[in-house]
Amino acid sequence: TEEVPVCVFCDIGDIRNEDLGELLTKGSLSVHKNCMYFSSGLSQGTETDNGLMGFKEKDIRSEVLRGRKGKCCGCQKSGIFVGCAVKKCGKAGHFPCILKKNFLVQ
């Protein structure tokens, strides 16, 4: 059987999720557009940076390592990539978990 790719940020393999965006794959790296866009520690370069939509592969992998050090406020699993935009809140987690909790993201 063929292995279904899953997002390195949220561990979901849904390729047609409106909230998460398209699941992009380059080599062994798969990410949802919105998990990548809203991840706190990533900066987007240009499309010519030879990564995924301007995000360098090494930066994505570094962000995964950084985010895995904390626990998601939603599912309690490893992964704090997106923080609530309300400064006093301080909650962080996987992008889909943050959405389920109705936190403000920007």
N, C-alpha and C. Protein backbone atom coordinates (compact mmCIF):
# COMPACT_ATOMS: atom_id res chain seq x y z
N THR A 1 0.83 -1.20 0.00
CA THR A 1 0.00 0.00 0.00
C THR A 1 0.87 1.25 0.00
N GLU A 2 0.35 2.29 -0.62
CA GLU A 2 1.08 3.55 -0.69
C GLU A 2 0.85 4.35 0.58
N GLU A 3 1.92 4.87 1.13
CA GLU A 3 1.85 5.65 2.35
C GLU A 3 1.30 7.05 2.07
N VAL A 4 0.31 7.47 2.85
CA VAL A 4 -0.29 8.79 2.68
C VAL A 4 0.58 9.80 3.43
N PRO A 5 1.01 10.87 2.76
CA PRO A 5 1.84 11.87 3.45
C PRO A 5 1.03 12.63 4.50
N VAL A 6 1.70 12.98 5.59
CA VAL A 6 1.06 13.78 6.64
C VAL A 6 1.89 15.05 6.87
N CYS A 7 1.24 16.08 7.29
CA CYS A 7 1.88 17.37 7.56
C CYS A 7 2.84 17.24 8.74
N VAL A 8 4.05 17.77 8.60
CA VAL A 8 5.04 17.69 9.68
C VAL A 8 4.64 18.54 10.88
N PHE A 9 3.73 19.49 10.67
CA PHE A 9 3.31 20.35 11.78
C PHE A 9 2.12 19.78 12.56
N CYS A 10 1.10 19.28 11.86
CA CYS A 10 -0.13 18.85 12.54
C CYS A 10 -0.36 17.35 12.51
N ASP A 11 0.45 16.59 11.77
CA ASP A 11 0.33 15.13 11.66
C ASP A 11 -0.99 14.68 11.02
N ILE A 12 -1.60 15.55 10.23
CA ILE A 12 -2.84 15.21 9.52
C ILE A 12 -2.51 15.06 8.04
N GLY A 13 -3.07 14.05 7.42
CA GLY A 13 -2.81 13.81 6.00
C GLY A 13 -3.90 14.30 5.08
N ASP A 14 -4.84 15.08 5.60
CA ASP A 14 -5.97 15.57 4.80
C ASP A 14 -5.48 16.53 3.72
N ILE A 15 -5.67 16.16 2.47
CA ILE A 15 -5.17 17.00 1.38
C ILE A 15 -6.22 17.98 0.88
N ARG A 16 -7.45 17.87 1.34
CA ARG A 16 -8.51 18.75 0.85
C ARG A 16 -9.23 19.47 1.98
N ASN A 17 -8.51 19.87 2.99
CA ASN A 17 -9.11 20.55 4.13
C ASN A 17 -9.06 22.06 3.89
N GLU A 18 -10.22 22.68 3.87
CA GLU A 18 -10.31 24.12 3.58
C GLU A 18 -9.55 24.96 4.61
N ASP A 19 -9.63 24.61 5.88
CA ASP A 19 -8.95 25.38 6.93
C ASP A 19 -7.44 25.22 6.89
N LEU A 20 -6.98 24.01 6.61
CA LEU A 20 -5.54 23.74 6.63
C LEU A 20 -4.86 24.13 5.33
N GLY A 21 -5.59 24.16 4.25
CA GLY A 21 -5.02 24.47 2.95
C GLY A 21 -4.45 23.22 2.30
N GLU A 22 -3.95 23.40 1.12
CA GLU A 22 -3.39 22.29 0.34
C GLU A 22 -2.21 21.65 1.06
N LEU A 23 -2.11 20.33 0.96
CA LEU A 23 -0.96 19.60 1.51
C LEU A 23 0.11 19.56 0.43
N LEU A 24 1.21 20.24 0.68
CA LEU A 24 2.32 20.32 -0.27
C LEU A 24 3.39 19.32 0.12
N THR A 25 3.99 18.68 -0.86
CA THR A 25 5.04 17.71 -0.58
C THR A 25 6.25 17.97 -1.46
N LYS A 26 7.41 17.93 -0.83
CA LYS A 26 8.69 18.02 -1.54
C LYS A 26 9.61 16.98 -0.91
N GLY A 27 9.90 15.95 -1.67
CA GLY A 27 10.71 14.85 -1.13
C GLY A 27 9.97 14.18 0.01
N SER A 28 10.60 14.11 1.17
CA SER A 28 9.98 13.47 2.34
C SER A 28 9.26 14.48 3.24
N LEU A 29 9.19 15.73 2.80
CA LEU A 29 8.60 16.79 3.60
C LEU A 29 7.21 17.15 3.09
N SER A 30 6.19 17.04 3.95
CA SER A 30 4.82 17.42 3.60
C SER A 30 4.30 18.42 4.62
N VAL A 31 3.67 19.48 4.13
CA VAL A 31 3.13 20.53 5.01
C VAL A 31 1.83 21.07 4.42
N HIS A 32 0.90 21.42 5.30
CA HIS A 32 -0.28 22.16 4.86
C HIS A 32 0.11 23.62 4.69
N LYS A 33 -0.42 24.27 3.67
CA LYS A 33 -0.11 25.68 3.43
C LYS A 33 -0.32 26.53 4.68
N ASN A 34 -1.48 26.37 5.33
CA ASN A 34 -1.78 27.24 6.46
C ASN A 34 -1.01 26.88 7.72
N CYS A 35 -0.69 25.61 7.90
CA CYS A 35 0.17 25.24 9.04
C CYS A 35 1.52 25.95 8.90
N MET A 36 1.98 26.05 7.66
CA MET A 36 3.26 26.69 7.37
C MET A 36 3.14 28.22 7.51
N TYR A 37 2.11 28.80 6.90
CA TYR A 37 1.93 30.26 6.93
C TYR A 37 1.80 30.81 8.34
N PHE A 38 1.08 30.09 9.21
CA PHE A 38 0.80 30.61 10.55
C PHE A 38 1.81 30.16 11.60
N SER A 39 2.77 29.35 11.22
CA SER A 39 3.78 28.88 12.16
C SER A 39 4.64 30.05 12.63
N SER A 40 4.79 30.17 13.93
CA SER A 40 5.44 31.34 14.54
C SER A 40 6.89 31.56 14.12
N GLY A 41 7.63 30.49 13.90
CA GLY A 41 9.07 30.62 13.69
C GLY A 41 9.52 30.59 12.24
N LEU A 42 8.60 30.76 11.29
CA LEU A 42 8.99 30.69 9.88
C LEU A 42 8.88 32.05 9.19
N SER A 43 9.81 32.29 8.30
CA SER A 43 9.77 33.49 7.46
C SER A 43 9.74 33.04 6.01
N GLN A 44 8.90 33.69 5.24
CA GLN A 44 8.77 33.34 3.83
C GLN A 44 9.71 34.18 2.99
N GLY A 45 10.45 33.51 2.14
CA GLY A 45 11.32 34.19 1.19
C GLY A 45 10.60 34.36 -0.12
N THR A 46 11.28 34.07 -1.20
CA THR A 46 10.67 34.17 -2.52
C THR A 46 10.48 32.77 -3.10
N GLU A 47 9.66 32.67 -4.11
CA GLU A 47 9.41 31.39 -4.77
C GLU A 47 10.71 30.78 -5.31
N THR A 48 11.70 31.60 -5.59
CA THR A 48 12.95 31.11 -6.16
C THR A 48 13.91 30.56 -5.11
N ASP A 49 13.51 30.57 -3.84
CA ASP A 49 14.36 30.06 -2.77
C ASP A 49 14.48 28.54 -2.77
N ASN A 50 13.86 27.89 -3.77
CA ASN A 50 14.01 26.45 -3.95
C ASN A 50 13.44 25.66 -2.77
N GLY A 51 12.37 26.14 -2.17
CA GLY A 51 11.73 25.42 -1.08
C GLY A 51 10.27 25.18 -1.41
N LEU A 52 9.42 25.34 -0.42
CA LEU A 52 7.98 25.21 -0.60
C LEU A 52 7.35 26.59 -0.48
N MET A 53 6.92 27.14 -1.58
CA MET A 53 6.27 28.45 -1.63
C MET A 53 7.09 29.53 -0.94
N GLY A 54 8.39 29.48 -1.09
CA GLY A 54 9.27 30.48 -0.51
C GLY A 54 9.77 30.14 0.89
N PHE A 55 9.34 29.05 1.45
CA PHE A 55 9.82 28.61 2.76
C PHE A 55 10.92 27.58 2.53
N LYS A 56 12.08 27.81 3.09
CA LYS A 56 13.22 26.91 2.90
C LYS A 56 13.01 25.63 3.71
N GLU A 57 13.39 24.51 3.10
CA GLU A 57 13.23 23.21 3.74
C GLU A 57 13.96 23.15 5.08
N LYS A 58 15.17 23.68 5.15
CA LYS A 58 15.93 23.64 6.42
C LYS A 58 15.24 24.47 7.50
N ASP A 59 14.59 25.57 7.11
CA ASP A 59 13.86 26.39 8.07
C ASP A 59 12.62 25.67 8.58
N ILE A 60 11.93 24.96 7.70
CA ILE A 60 10.76 24.19 8.09
C ILE A 60 11.16 23.10 9.07
N ARG A 61 12.22 22.39 8.76
CA ARG A 61 12.68 21.31 9.65
C ARG A 61 13.13 21.87 11.01
N SER A 62 13.77 23.04 11.02
CA SER A 62 14.18 23.67 12.28
C SER A 62 12.97 24.09 13.10
N GLU A 63 11.94 24.60 12.44
CA GLU A 63 10.72 25.00 13.13
C GLU A 63 10.01 23.79 13.73
N VAL A 64 10.03 22.68 13.04
CA VAL A 64 9.44 21.45 13.58
C VAL A 64 10.16 21.05 14.87
N LEU A 65 11.47 21.09 14.86
CA LEU A 65 12.25 20.74 16.06
C LEU A 65 11.94 21.71 17.21
N ARG A 66 11.85 23.00 16.90
CA ARG A 66 11.55 24.00 17.93
C ARG A 66 10.16 23.76 18.52
N GLY A 67 9.18 23.60 17.65
CA GLY A 67 7.81 23.46 18.11
C GLY A 67 7.52 22.18 18.87
N ARG A 68 8.24 21.13 18.57
CA ARG A 68 8.02 19.83 19.24
C ARG A 68 8.45 19.86 20.71
N LYS A 69 9.11 20.92 21.13
CA LYS A 69 9.58 21.01 22.52
C LYS A 69 8.47 21.36 23.50
N GLY A 70 7.33 21.83 22.97
CA GLY A 70 6.23 22.21 23.85
C GLY A 70 4.99 21.37 23.60
N LYS A 71 4.00 21.50 24.48
CA LYS A 71 2.78 20.71 24.40
C LYS A 71 1.62 21.57 23.89
N CYS A 72 0.88 21.06 22.93
CA CYS A 72 -0.27 21.74 22.33
C CYS A 72 -1.37 21.95 23.38
N CYS A 73 -1.93 23.15 23.39
CA CYS A 73 -3.00 23.46 24.35
C CYS A 73 -4.31 22.74 24.00
N GLY A 74 -4.40 22.21 22.78
CA GLY A 74 -5.63 21.53 22.37
C GLY A 74 -5.59 20.04 22.61
N CYS A 75 -4.68 19.36 21.94
CA CYS A 75 -4.64 17.89 22.00
C CYS A 75 -3.65 17.36 23.05
N GLN A 76 -2.86 18.24 23.62
CA GLN A 76 -1.87 17.88 24.64
C GLN A 76 -0.69 17.06 24.11
N LYS A 77 -0.59 16.94 22.78
CA LYS A 77 0.55 16.26 22.18
C LYS A 77 1.65 17.27 21.91
N SER A 78 2.82 16.79 21.60
CA SER A 78 3.96 17.64 21.29
C SER A 78 3.67 18.51 20.06
N GLY A 79 3.94 19.81 20.17
CA GLY A 79 3.79 20.70 19.02
C GLY A 79 3.14 22.03 19.34
N ILE A 80 3.96 23.07 19.45
CA ILE A 80 3.43 24.43 19.64
C ILE A 80 3.96 25.31 18.51
N PHE A 81 3.25 25.34 17.42
CA PHE A 81 3.70 26.07 16.23
C PHE A 81 2.98 27.39 16.04
N VAL A 82 1.74 27.48 16.50
CA VAL A 82 0.92 28.66 16.28
C VAL A 82 0.44 29.16 17.64
N GLY A 83 0.60 30.45 17.87
CA GLY A 83 0.13 31.04 19.11
C GLY A 83 -1.12 31.87 18.90
N CYS A 84 -1.92 32.00 19.94
CA CYS A 84 -3.09 32.87 19.90
C CYS A 84 -2.60 34.31 19.73
N ALA A 85 -3.29 35.08 18.90
CA ALA A 85 -2.89 36.45 18.61
C ALA A 85 -3.22 37.43 19.74
N VAL A 86 -4.03 37.00 20.70
CA VAL A 86 -4.35 37.85 21.85
C VAL A 86 -3.18 37.73 22.83
N LYS A 87 -2.47 38.83 23.05
CA LYS A 87 -1.24 38.80 23.85
C LYS A 87 -1.44 38.20 25.24
N LYS A 88 -2.52 38.51 25.91
CA LYS A 88 -2.76 38.02 27.26
C LYS A 88 -3.08 36.54 27.31
N CYS A 89 -3.43 35.95 26.18
CA CYS A 89 -3.83 34.54 26.13
C CYS A 89 -2.63 33.62 26.36
N GLY A 90 -1.62 33.71 25.53
CA GLY A 90 -0.42 32.90 25.69
C GLY A 90 -0.56 31.44 25.28
N LYS A 91 -1.71 31.02 24.78
CA LYS A 91 -1.90 29.63 24.38
C LYS A 91 -1.26 29.38 23.01
N ALA A 92 -0.77 28.16 22.80
CA ALA A 92 -0.13 27.80 21.54
C ALA A 92 -0.37 26.32 21.26
N GLY A 93 -0.27 25.96 19.98
CA GLY A 93 -0.46 24.56 19.62
C GLY A 93 -0.38 24.34 18.13
N HIS A 94 -0.92 23.22 17.70
CA HIS A 94 -1.01 22.91 16.28
C HIS A 94 -2.06 23.83 15.66
N PHE A 95 -1.90 24.19 14.41
CA PHE A 95 -2.85 25.09 13.75
C PHE A 95 -4.29 24.57 13.83
N PRO A 96 -4.58 23.28 13.50
CA PRO A 96 -5.97 22.83 13.58
C PRO A 96 -6.52 22.84 15.01
N CYS A 97 -5.69 22.59 16.00
CA CYS A 97 -6.14 22.61 17.40
C CYS A 97 -6.48 24.04 17.83
N ILE A 98 -5.67 24.98 17.41
CA ILE A 98 -5.91 26.40 17.72
C ILE A 98 -7.24 26.83 17.09
N LEU A 99 -7.50 26.39 15.87
CA LEU A 99 -8.76 26.73 15.21
C LEU A 99 -9.96 26.13 15.95
N LYS A 100 -9.83 24.86 16.37
CA LYS A 100 -10.93 24.21 17.10
C LYS A 100 -11.24 24.93 18.40
N LYS A 101 -10.23 25.51 19.03
CA LYS A 101 -10.41 26.22 20.29
C LYS A 101 -10.91 27.65 20.07
N ASN A 102 -11.07 28.03 18.80
CA ASN A 102 -11.52 29.38 18.42
C ASN A 102 -10.60 30.50 18.87
N PHE A 103 -9.30 30.23 18.92
CA PHE A 103 -8.33 31.27 19.23
C PHE A 103 -8.13 32.14 17.99
N LEU A 104 -7.71 33.36 18.21
CA LEU A 104 -7.47 34.30 17.13
C LEU A 104 -6.08 34.05 16.55
N VAL A 105 -6.01 33.84 15.25
CA VAL A 105 -4.72 33.69 14.56
C VAL A 105 -4.61 34.77 13.50
N GLN A 106 -3.37 35.22 13.30
CA GLN A 106 -3.14 36.22 12.24
C GLN A 106 -1.75 36.12 11.69
